[in-house]
N, C-alpha and C. Protein backbone atom coordinates (compact mmCIF):
# COMPACT_ATOMS: atom_id res chain seq x y z
N UNK A 1 -119.89 42.69 92.38
CA UNK A 1 -118.82 42.73 93.35
C UNK A 1 -117.83 41.58 93.14
N UNK A 2 -118.37 40.40 92.89
CA UNK A 2 -117.53 39.23 92.67
C UNK A 2 -116.72 39.40 91.38
N UNK A 3 -117.29 40.05 90.39
CA UNK A 3 -116.59 40.29 89.13
C UNK A 3 -115.42 41.24 89.35
N UNK A 4 -115.60 42.28 90.20
CA UNK A 4 -114.52 43.21 90.48
C UNK A 4 -113.35 42.52 91.17
N UNK A 5 -113.65 41.64 92.11
CA UNK A 5 -112.61 40.88 92.79
C UNK A 5 -111.89 39.98 91.79
N UNK A 6 -112.64 39.35 90.91
CA UNK A 6 -112.05 38.47 89.89
C UNK A 6 -111.14 39.24 88.95
N UNK A 7 -111.62 40.43 88.51
CA UNK A 7 -110.79 41.25 87.61
C UNK A 7 -109.55 41.77 88.34
N UNK A 8 -109.67 42.11 89.60
CA UNK A 8 -108.53 42.57 90.40
C UNK A 8 -107.49 41.46 90.54
N UNK A 9 -107.99 40.26 90.81
CA UNK A 9 -107.07 39.11 90.91
C UNK A 9 -106.41 38.84 89.57
N UNK A 10 -107.17 38.94 88.49
CA UNK A 10 -106.63 38.71 87.15
C UNK A 10 -105.55 39.74 86.83
N UNK A 11 -105.78 41.02 87.20
CA UNK A 11 -104.79 42.07 86.95
C UNK A 11 -103.49 41.78 87.70
N UNK A 12 -103.60 41.34 88.96
CA UNK A 12 -102.41 41.00 89.74
C UNK A 12 -101.63 39.87 89.08
N UNK A 13 -102.35 38.86 88.62
CA UNK A 13 -101.70 37.75 87.93
C UNK A 13 -101.01 38.23 86.66
N UNK A 14 -101.67 39.13 85.94
CA UNK A 14 -101.09 39.66 84.71
C UNK A 14 -99.82 40.46 85.01
N UNK A 15 -99.88 41.32 86.01
CA UNK A 15 -98.71 42.14 86.36
C UNK A 15 -97.54 41.26 86.77
N UNK A 16 -97.78 40.31 87.68
CA UNK A 16 -96.70 39.43 88.12
C UNK A 16 -96.20 38.53 86.98
N UNK A 17 -97.08 38.11 86.12
CA UNK A 17 -96.68 37.31 84.97
C UNK A 17 -95.79 38.11 84.03
N UNK A 18 -96.15 39.37 83.81
CA UNK A 18 -95.33 40.23 82.94
C UNK A 18 -93.98 40.57 83.59
N UNK A 19 -93.98 40.73 84.91
CA UNK A 19 -92.71 40.96 85.61
C UNK A 19 -91.80 39.74 85.46
N UNK A 20 -92.35 38.56 85.67
CA UNK A 20 -91.56 37.33 85.52
C UNK A 20 -91.07 37.18 84.08
N UNK A 21 -91.92 37.51 83.12
CA UNK A 21 -91.51 37.44 81.72
C UNK A 21 -90.41 38.44 81.42
N UNK A 22 -90.48 39.63 82.01
CA UNK A 22 -89.43 40.64 81.83
C UNK A 22 -88.10 40.16 82.41
N UNK A 23 -88.16 39.54 83.58
CA UNK A 23 -86.93 39.01 84.19
C UNK A 23 -86.32 37.93 83.29
N UNK A 24 -87.18 37.08 82.73
CA UNK A 24 -86.70 36.03 81.82
C UNK A 24 -86.05 36.66 80.59
N UNK A 25 -86.66 37.70 80.05
CA UNK A 25 -86.13 38.37 78.87
C UNK A 25 -84.79 39.03 79.17
N UNK A 26 -84.69 39.70 80.30
CA UNK A 26 -83.43 40.34 80.69
C UNK A 26 -82.34 39.29 80.90
N UNK A 27 -82.69 38.17 81.52
CA UNK A 27 -81.71 37.09 81.73
C UNK A 27 -81.24 36.53 80.40
N UNK A 28 -82.17 36.35 79.46
CA UNK A 28 -81.79 35.82 78.15
C UNK A 28 -80.87 36.79 77.42
N UNK A 29 -81.17 38.08 77.51
CA UNK A 29 -80.32 39.07 76.85
C UNK A 29 -78.94 39.11 77.51
N UNK A 30 -78.88 38.97 78.81
CA UNK A 30 -77.60 38.97 79.53
C UNK A 30 -76.77 37.74 79.19
N UNK A 31 -77.43 36.64 78.84
CA UNK A 31 -76.69 35.42 78.53
C UNK A 31 -76.05 35.43 77.15
N UNK A 32 -76.55 36.25 76.25
CA UNK A 32 -76.03 36.27 74.88
C UNK A 32 -74.53 36.58 74.84
N UNK A 33 -74.06 37.70 75.43
CA UNK A 33 -72.62 37.94 75.36
C UNK A 33 -71.80 36.90 76.10
N UNK A 34 -72.36 36.33 77.18
CA UNK A 34 -71.64 35.28 77.90
C UNK A 34 -71.43 34.05 77.03
N UNK A 35 -72.47 33.64 76.32
CA UNK A 35 -72.33 32.45 75.48
C UNK A 35 -71.42 32.72 74.29
N UNK A 36 -71.46 33.93 73.76
CA UNK A 36 -70.55 34.27 72.65
C UNK A 36 -69.11 34.21 73.13
N UNK A 37 -68.86 34.80 74.30
CA UNK A 37 -67.50 34.79 74.85
C UNK A 37 -67.05 33.36 75.17
N UNK A 38 -67.95 32.56 75.72
CA UNK A 38 -67.59 31.17 76.06
C UNK A 38 -67.28 30.37 74.80
N UNK A 39 -68.00 30.62 73.72
CA UNK A 39 -67.75 29.90 72.46
C UNK A 39 -66.42 30.29 71.83
N UNK A 40 -65.92 31.46 72.16
CA UNK A 40 -64.65 31.91 71.59
C UNK A 40 -63.44 31.38 72.35
N UNK A 41 -63.66 30.84 73.54
CA UNK A 41 -62.55 30.31 74.32
C UNK A 41 -62.14 28.94 73.80
N UNK A 42 -60.90 28.82 73.43
CA UNK A 42 -60.36 27.52 73.00
C UNK A 42 -58.98 27.35 73.62
N UNK A 43 -58.72 26.15 74.02
CA UNK A 43 -57.41 25.87 74.61
C UNK A 43 -56.33 25.93 73.54
N UNK A 44 -55.16 26.33 73.96
CA UNK A 44 -54.02 26.54 73.07
C UNK A 44 -53.22 25.25 72.98
N UNK A 45 -52.68 24.99 71.80
CA UNK A 45 -51.74 23.88 71.65
C UNK A 45 -50.38 24.46 71.30
N UNK A 46 -49.37 23.64 71.33
CA UNK A 46 -48.02 24.13 71.06
C UNK A 46 -47.76 24.31 69.57
N UNK A 47 -48.70 23.90 68.74
CA UNK A 47 -48.52 24.03 67.29
C UNK A 47 -48.40 25.51 66.91
N UNK A 48 -47.36 25.84 66.21
CA UNK A 48 -47.18 27.20 65.72
C UNK A 48 -46.50 28.13 66.72
N UNK A 49 -46.30 27.70 67.95
CA UNK A 49 -45.62 28.55 68.93
C UNK A 49 -44.11 28.40 68.78
N UNK A 50 -43.43 29.49 68.99
CA UNK A 50 -41.97 29.46 68.90
C UNK A 50 -41.38 29.70 70.28
N UNK A 51 -40.18 29.24 70.44
CA UNK A 51 -39.47 29.39 71.70
C UNK A 51 -39.25 30.88 71.98
N UNK A 52 -39.68 31.36 73.15
CA UNK A 52 -39.49 32.77 73.45
C UNK A 52 -38.02 33.14 73.71
N UNK A 53 -37.19 32.13 73.99
CA UNK A 53 -35.77 32.35 74.24
C UNK A 53 -34.94 31.38 73.41
N UNK A 54 -34.94 31.55 72.08
CA UNK A 54 -34.21 30.58 71.24
C UNK A 54 -32.70 30.59 71.48
N UNK A 55 -32.19 31.69 72.00
CA UNK A 55 -30.75 31.79 72.24
C UNK A 55 -30.37 31.51 73.69
N UNK A 56 -31.29 30.94 74.45
CA UNK A 56 -30.99 30.63 75.86
C UNK A 56 -29.89 29.58 75.91
N UNK A 57 -29.02 29.68 76.90
CA UNK A 57 -27.92 28.70 76.99
C UNK A 57 -28.47 27.30 77.27
N UNK A 58 -27.87 26.32 76.61
CA UNK A 58 -28.26 24.93 76.80
C UNK A 58 -27.48 24.40 78.00
N UNK A 59 -28.21 23.73 78.88
CA UNK A 59 -27.56 23.22 80.09
C UNK A 59 -27.75 21.71 80.22
N UNK A 60 -26.84 21.13 80.97
CA UNK A 60 -26.92 19.72 81.32
C UNK A 60 -26.65 19.63 82.81
N UNK A 61 -27.61 19.14 83.55
CA UNK A 61 -27.50 19.07 85.01
C UNK A 61 -27.13 20.44 85.59
N UNK A 62 -27.80 21.46 85.09
CA UNK A 62 -27.65 22.85 85.53
C UNK A 62 -26.27 23.45 85.22
N UNK A 63 -25.53 22.85 84.29
CA UNK A 63 -24.23 23.39 83.88
C UNK A 63 -24.29 23.67 82.38
N UNK A 64 -23.69 24.78 81.93
CA UNK A 64 -23.69 25.09 80.49
C UNK A 64 -23.05 23.97 79.67
N UNK A 65 -23.63 23.73 78.49
CA UNK A 65 -23.12 22.68 77.59
C UNK A 65 -22.40 23.31 76.41
N UNK A 66 -21.41 22.61 75.92
CA UNK A 66 -20.73 23.00 74.68
C UNK A 66 -21.40 22.25 73.53
N UNK A 67 -21.28 22.76 72.31
CA UNK A 67 -21.97 22.15 71.16
C UNK A 67 -21.51 20.73 70.86
N UNK A 68 -20.30 20.39 71.22
CA UNK A 68 -19.80 19.04 70.93
C UNK A 68 -19.90 18.11 72.14
N UNK A 69 -20.55 18.58 73.19
CA UNK A 69 -20.64 17.82 74.44
C UNK A 69 -21.84 16.88 74.43
N UNK A 70 -21.74 15.78 75.15
CA UNK A 70 -22.84 14.83 75.35
C UNK A 70 -23.30 14.96 76.80
N UNK A 71 -24.59 15.08 76.97
CA UNK A 71 -25.17 15.21 78.31
C UNK A 71 -25.62 13.83 78.77
N UNK A 72 -25.12 13.42 79.92
CA UNK A 72 -25.53 12.14 80.48
C UNK A 72 -26.53 12.40 81.61
N UNK A 73 -27.74 11.94 81.38
CA UNK A 73 -28.79 12.12 82.37
C UNK A 73 -29.05 10.79 83.06
N UNK A 74 -29.27 10.84 84.34
CA UNK A 74 -29.61 9.63 85.10
C UNK A 74 -31.11 9.71 85.42
N UNK A 75 -31.81 8.65 85.03
CA UNK A 75 -33.25 8.58 85.28
C UNK A 75 -33.52 7.33 86.11
N UNK A 76 -34.24 7.51 87.20
CA UNK A 76 -34.60 6.39 88.06
C UNK A 76 -36.08 6.13 87.91
N UNK A 77 -36.41 4.89 87.57
CA UNK A 77 -37.80 4.48 87.39
C UNK A 77 -37.99 3.12 88.03
N UNK A 78 -38.92 3.03 88.97
CA UNK A 78 -39.19 1.78 89.70
C UNK A 78 -37.92 1.21 90.34
N UNK A 79 -37.11 2.08 90.88
CA UNK A 79 -35.90 1.62 91.57
C UNK A 79 -34.74 1.31 90.65
N UNK A 80 -34.92 1.40 89.35
CA UNK A 80 -33.86 1.11 88.40
C UNK A 80 -33.34 2.43 87.83
N UNK A 81 -32.03 2.63 87.90
CA UNK A 81 -31.42 3.85 87.38
C UNK A 81 -30.84 3.56 86.01
N UNK A 82 -31.16 4.46 85.07
CA UNK A 82 -30.65 4.33 83.70
C UNK A 82 -29.91 5.59 83.33
N UNK A 83 -28.93 5.44 82.42
CA UNK A 83 -28.23 6.60 81.87
C UNK A 83 -28.75 6.85 80.46
N UNK A 84 -29.00 8.12 80.18
CA UNK A 84 -29.43 8.48 78.83
C UNK A 84 -28.48 9.56 78.33
N UNK A 85 -27.95 9.34 77.13
CA UNK A 85 -27.05 10.32 76.53
C UNK A 85 -27.83 11.22 75.59
N UNK A 86 -27.64 12.52 75.74
CA UNK A 86 -28.30 13.51 74.89
C UNK A 86 -27.24 14.40 74.27
N UNK A 87 -27.38 14.60 72.96
CA UNK A 87 -26.48 15.52 72.28
C UNK A 87 -26.90 16.95 72.60
N UNK A 88 -26.06 17.88 72.23
CA UNK A 88 -26.35 19.30 72.46
C UNK A 88 -27.67 19.68 71.79
N UNK A 89 -27.85 19.26 70.52
CA UNK A 89 -29.07 19.61 69.78
C UNK A 89 -30.31 18.98 70.41
N UNK A 90 -30.19 17.73 70.87
CA UNK A 90 -31.32 17.08 71.53
C UNK A 90 -31.70 17.80 72.83
N UNK A 91 -30.68 18.16 73.60
CA UNK A 91 -30.91 18.85 74.87
C UNK A 91 -31.51 20.24 74.62
N UNK A 92 -31.03 20.91 73.57
CA UNK A 92 -31.56 22.24 73.21
C UNK A 92 -33.04 22.12 72.85
N UNK A 93 -33.39 21.08 72.08
CA UNK A 93 -34.78 20.86 71.67
C UNK A 93 -35.66 20.57 72.89
N UNK A 94 -35.18 19.75 73.81
CA UNK A 94 -35.94 19.42 75.02
C UNK A 94 -36.19 20.67 75.85
N UNK A 95 -35.18 21.50 76.02
CA UNK A 95 -35.34 22.71 76.83
C UNK A 95 -36.24 23.73 76.13
N UNK A 96 -36.13 23.81 74.81
CA UNK A 96 -37.00 24.71 74.04
C UNK A 96 -38.46 24.26 74.14
N UNK A 97 -38.69 22.95 74.01
CA UNK A 97 -40.05 22.41 74.15
C UNK A 97 -40.61 22.67 75.54
N UNK A 98 -39.74 22.60 76.55
CA UNK A 98 -40.17 22.87 77.92
C UNK A 98 -40.65 24.31 78.08
N UNK A 99 -39.92 25.25 77.46
CA UNK A 99 -40.34 26.66 77.55
C UNK A 99 -41.66 26.88 76.80
N UNK A 100 -41.81 26.23 75.65
CA UNK A 100 -43.06 26.35 74.88
C UNK A 100 -44.22 25.74 75.66
N UNK A 101 -43.99 24.57 76.25
CA UNK A 101 -45.05 23.92 77.04
C UNK A 101 -45.44 24.75 78.25
N UNK A 102 -44.49 25.47 78.84
CA UNK A 102 -44.81 26.35 79.97
C UNK A 102 -45.74 27.47 79.52
N UNK A 103 -45.51 28.01 78.32
CA UNK A 103 -46.39 29.06 77.78
C UNK A 103 -47.78 28.50 77.54
N UNK A 104 -47.86 27.31 76.94
CA UNK A 104 -49.15 26.67 76.66
C UNK A 104 -49.91 26.44 77.95
N UNK A 105 -49.23 25.92 78.97
CA UNK A 105 -49.89 25.68 80.26
C UNK A 105 -50.39 26.98 80.88
N UNK A 106 -49.59 28.04 80.78
CA UNK A 106 -49.99 29.33 81.35
C UNK A 106 -51.23 29.87 80.65
N UNK A 107 -51.24 29.80 79.31
CA UNK A 107 -52.40 30.30 78.55
C UNK A 107 -53.64 29.45 78.82
N UNK A 108 -53.49 28.15 78.88
CA UNK A 108 -54.63 27.26 79.13
C UNK A 108 -55.16 27.44 80.55
N UNK A 109 -54.28 27.74 81.49
CA UNK A 109 -54.73 28.00 82.87
C UNK A 109 -55.57 29.28 82.89
N UNK A 110 -55.15 30.29 82.15
CA UNK A 110 -55.92 31.54 82.08
C UNK A 110 -57.29 31.30 81.43
N UNK A 111 -57.32 30.46 80.41
CA UNK A 111 -58.59 30.13 79.74
C UNK A 111 -59.49 29.36 80.70
N UNK A 112 -58.93 28.43 81.46
CA UNK A 112 -59.72 27.69 82.45
C UNK A 112 -60.32 28.63 83.49
N UNK A 113 -59.55 29.64 83.90
CA UNK A 113 -60.06 30.61 84.87
C UNK A 113 -61.21 31.41 84.26
N UNK A 114 -61.08 31.81 82.99
CA UNK A 114 -62.15 32.54 82.33
C UNK A 114 -63.41 31.68 82.22
N UNK A 115 -63.22 30.40 81.88
CA UNK A 115 -64.37 29.49 81.81
C UNK A 115 -65.04 29.36 83.17
N UNK A 116 -64.24 29.30 84.22
CA UNK A 116 -64.80 29.22 85.57
C UNK A 116 -65.63 30.45 85.91
N UNK A 117 -65.14 31.61 85.53
CA UNK A 117 -65.88 32.86 85.79
C UNK A 117 -67.18 32.87 84.99
N UNK A 118 -67.10 32.49 83.72
CA UNK A 118 -68.30 32.48 82.88
C UNK A 118 -69.32 31.48 83.41
N UNK A 119 -68.87 30.33 83.89
CA UNK A 119 -69.79 29.35 84.47
C UNK A 119 -70.40 29.86 85.77
N UNK A 120 -69.59 30.56 86.56
CA UNK A 120 -70.10 31.09 87.83
C UNK A 120 -71.20 32.13 87.59
N UNK A 121 -71.13 32.82 86.47
CA UNK A 121 -72.16 33.80 86.13
C UNK A 121 -73.28 33.15 85.34
N UNK A 122 -72.91 32.30 84.39
CA UNK A 122 -73.89 31.74 83.46
C UNK A 122 -74.86 30.74 84.06
N UNK A 123 -74.39 29.91 84.96
CA UNK A 123 -75.28 28.89 85.54
C UNK A 123 -76.40 29.52 86.37
N UNK A 124 -76.09 30.43 87.30
CA UNK A 124 -77.20 31.06 88.03
C UNK A 124 -78.12 31.88 87.11
N UNK A 125 -77.52 32.51 86.11
CA UNK A 125 -78.32 33.29 85.17
C UNK A 125 -79.27 32.39 84.39
N UNK A 126 -78.80 31.21 84.01
CA UNK A 126 -79.66 30.25 83.32
C UNK A 126 -80.80 29.77 84.23
N UNK A 127 -80.49 29.54 85.49
CA UNK A 127 -81.52 29.12 86.44
C UNK A 127 -82.57 30.22 86.63
N UNK A 128 -82.10 31.46 86.72
CA UNK A 128 -83.05 32.58 86.84
C UNK A 128 -83.93 32.65 85.60
N UNK A 129 -83.33 32.48 84.43
CA UNK A 129 -84.08 32.49 83.18
C UNK A 129 -85.15 31.40 83.18
N UNK A 130 -84.75 30.21 83.53
CA UNK A 130 -85.67 29.07 83.51
C UNK A 130 -86.81 29.26 84.52
N UNK A 131 -86.47 29.60 85.76
CA UNK A 131 -87.49 29.76 86.79
C UNK A 131 -88.44 30.90 86.46
N UNK A 132 -87.91 32.03 86.01
CA UNK A 132 -88.78 33.17 85.72
C UNK A 132 -89.65 32.90 84.49
N UNK A 133 -89.13 32.18 83.51
CA UNK A 133 -89.94 31.86 82.33
C UNK A 133 -91.08 30.91 82.69
N UNK A 134 -90.78 29.89 83.47
CA UNK A 134 -91.82 28.95 83.91
C UNK A 134 -92.86 29.67 84.77
N UNK A 135 -92.38 30.53 85.67
CA UNK A 135 -93.28 31.30 86.51
C UNK A 135 -94.18 32.20 85.66
N UNK A 136 -93.59 32.84 84.66
CA UNK A 136 -94.37 33.71 83.77
C UNK A 136 -95.45 32.92 83.05
N UNK A 137 -95.11 31.75 82.55
CA UNK A 137 -96.10 30.92 81.84
C UNK A 137 -97.24 30.52 82.79
N UNK A 138 -96.88 30.07 83.99
CA UNK A 138 -97.90 29.66 84.96
C UNK A 138 -98.81 30.83 85.31
N UNK A 139 -98.24 31.99 85.60
CA UNK A 139 -99.04 33.15 85.98
C UNK A 139 -99.92 33.64 84.83
N UNK A 140 -99.40 33.62 83.61
CA UNK A 140 -100.21 34.06 82.48
C UNK A 140 -101.33 33.08 82.17
N UNK A 141 -101.09 31.78 82.33
CA UNK A 141 -102.16 30.79 82.16
C UNK A 141 -103.23 31.01 83.23
N UNK A 142 -102.80 31.24 84.48
CA UNK A 142 -103.77 31.52 85.55
C UNK A 142 -104.54 32.80 85.26
N UNK A 143 -103.87 33.79 84.70
CA UNK A 143 -104.54 35.04 84.35
C UNK A 143 -105.66 34.78 83.34
N UNK A 144 -105.35 34.06 82.27
CA UNK A 144 -106.36 33.80 81.25
C UNK A 144 -107.50 32.93 81.80
N UNK A 145 -107.19 31.97 82.66
CA UNK A 145 -108.23 31.15 83.28
C UNK A 145 -109.12 32.00 84.19
N UNK A 146 -108.51 32.88 84.96
CA UNK A 146 -109.28 33.76 85.85
C UNK A 146 -110.18 34.69 85.03
N UNK A 147 -109.63 35.25 83.97
CA UNK A 147 -110.44 36.13 83.11
C UNK A 147 -111.63 35.37 82.52
N UNK A 148 -111.39 34.16 82.08
CA UNK A 148 -112.46 33.36 81.50
C UNK A 148 -113.53 33.04 82.56
N UNK A 149 -113.09 32.68 83.78
CA UNK A 149 -114.03 32.38 84.86
C UNK A 149 -114.86 33.61 85.22
N UNK A 150 -114.21 34.77 85.26
CA UNK A 150 -114.93 36.01 85.59
C UNK A 150 -115.95 36.31 84.50
N UNK A 151 -115.58 36.15 83.24
CA UNK A 151 -116.52 36.40 82.13
C UNK A 151 -117.72 35.44 82.20
N UNK A 152 -117.39 34.18 82.47
CA UNK A 152 -118.46 33.18 82.53
C UNK A 152 -119.40 33.50 83.69
N UNK A 153 -118.83 33.85 84.85
CA UNK A 153 -119.65 34.13 86.02
C UNK A 153 -120.48 35.41 85.83
N UNK A 154 -119.93 36.42 85.16
CA UNK A 154 -120.71 37.65 84.95
C UNK A 154 -121.79 37.43 83.89
N UNK A 155 -121.51 36.60 82.90
CA UNK A 155 -122.52 36.37 81.87
C UNK A 155 -123.67 35.50 82.39
N UNK A 156 -123.39 34.59 83.32
CA UNK A 156 -124.46 33.76 83.89
C UNK A 156 -125.28 34.55 84.91
N UNK A 157 -124.69 35.57 85.53
CA UNK A 157 -125.40 36.40 86.50
C UNK A 157 -126.35 37.39 85.81
N UNK A 158 -126.07 37.66 84.52
CA UNK A 158 -126.93 38.62 83.81
C UNK A 158 -128.17 37.93 83.43
């Protein structure tokens, strides 16, 4: 009778251990595409990007500039106002760089959002994997110990 109870307990441990191991395996398989996708995400730099509006009008203080015109910008820093003169080409380059930087920021913001989504899924999935794997190991060790105890107790009773 005691052996039957021991074997019944061992079977329960085995079933729950295999369920926990299955959950760990499913979690590990689910993490593979997430980690591949996360490894493919890289932030964009402005290198190699071109101005999406190369023919956009060049402006100075929100007014159109002529090619031979000098743009005088006033910059205030720590209470001190300075004048900076910019040629048409310099102002065109600054505005072009601004449009390129806006594209870079937009793409990097989208990548940051994707990373956030992957982390929101990946972190709990990793915790489930870890907890279920540890649980499976503990239950399977208990199963083998219970089986051994039942064998020892039945062999000494004979």
